[in-house]
Amino acid sequence: MSDDILIKAKGLSVGFQIGSSIFNKQVLKAVDNVSIEIEKGSFFGLVGESGSGKTTLGRALLKAVPITGGGAHYSDGEVAYDLETIGKEDLKDYRKRAQLIFQDPYAALSPRMTVRDIIAEPLEVMGLTKNRTETDERVREIAAKCRLNLEHLRRFPHAFSGGQRQRISIARALVSAPKFIVADESVAALDVSIQADVLNLLKQIQAEMGLTFMFISHDLSVVAHTCDHVAVMYLGRLVETAPTRDLFNSPKHPYTKALFSAIPSLDPDDRGKAQKLEGEIPSPTNQPTGCKFHTRCPHAIDICKSKEPQLEKAAKGHEVSCHRWKELMDLVPA
């Protein structure tokens, strides 16, 4: 594993058994054979529709859900862990190094705790500080980075707006000095103007603290603003991955093109040009054979229905999983 790679997943799968009896047990494949590399200090984007497995992949890399196939490796230069076999003691240490920013800032904060206690809780639970004075110093330091003042620390969450609550959530995630942060739709519940403020804060904190982010989103315009590299997921699998600029300039998978065409445009002449996807994303418990996207793809042919495509190199750092991507580059405008 390269020294520049913080997280490397290879063939990672996450499945859940559902059904209450031996006769109706099914396996829900939330993540299926995903391989990615996240470089240290990068802002790695993960996009796709609801139900595509983005959140489950993020939680698997945090060891918050069990890995049922393949594996993932974490290495920050100080320690290295194989996440599929990590023990209890090492997991406690990993919890300090890998944190999560939740989607909903209203549900993520306890209404019965002050902001000071919310931010300090990880320090106290993990035993990272020796006494209350040291804890308070660390809380004030992180609060200042997240644009929270001393007066804010004495209040309860109900006294704050959505953007302020999300800054509290970010401070709680940062207080243990992590190396890796999964931001799961962390601006989706905020107004557009507040989204920009929070995104700029995350980029500033990343630069100051040298953090590595996995940024999960369904909003491609947000991803374009923040991420260095983007992976596109559909029904638990990666269909395309590339540096952000390359992906936006030259998307190659039909699903990626459909997502881009759905981005609203301020140009009235662009109305009606969106590539409509027929039907809904299939059930993870009853996935189609061959290419998972063929049931909604307007360009599907027989091979798409019978043979599952694998990620193949399209350009430097750019991989795509589609049988027809080369010919479609000429037939379908990006």
Foldseek 3Di string as FASTA:
>chain_A
DDLFWFKWFFQWWDWDWDDDDPVPTFIQTLAGGETDTFTFLFAEEEAEDPSLNLVVVLCVSLLNGATPDGWMWGDNPPDIDTSNDDDDVVNLVSPLAEFEQDAFLVPPFDQVAFLLCLLLVVCVVSVVDDDPVRSSVLLQVLCVLLVHHPVSRGHGPVVDDRLVSSSSSVSSRPSSPYQEYEYANRCVVDDPVSSVVVLVSVQVVSVVSRHTYYYYDHDLVSCLVHGQKYFYGALNYTFKIAGSVCCVVQPQDQVSQLSVLPHDDPDPVSPPVRDDFPDDQDGSRDAAAADSRQVGDPPDDDNRRHHHFDWDDPDVRITGGDPCRVVVSVVPPD
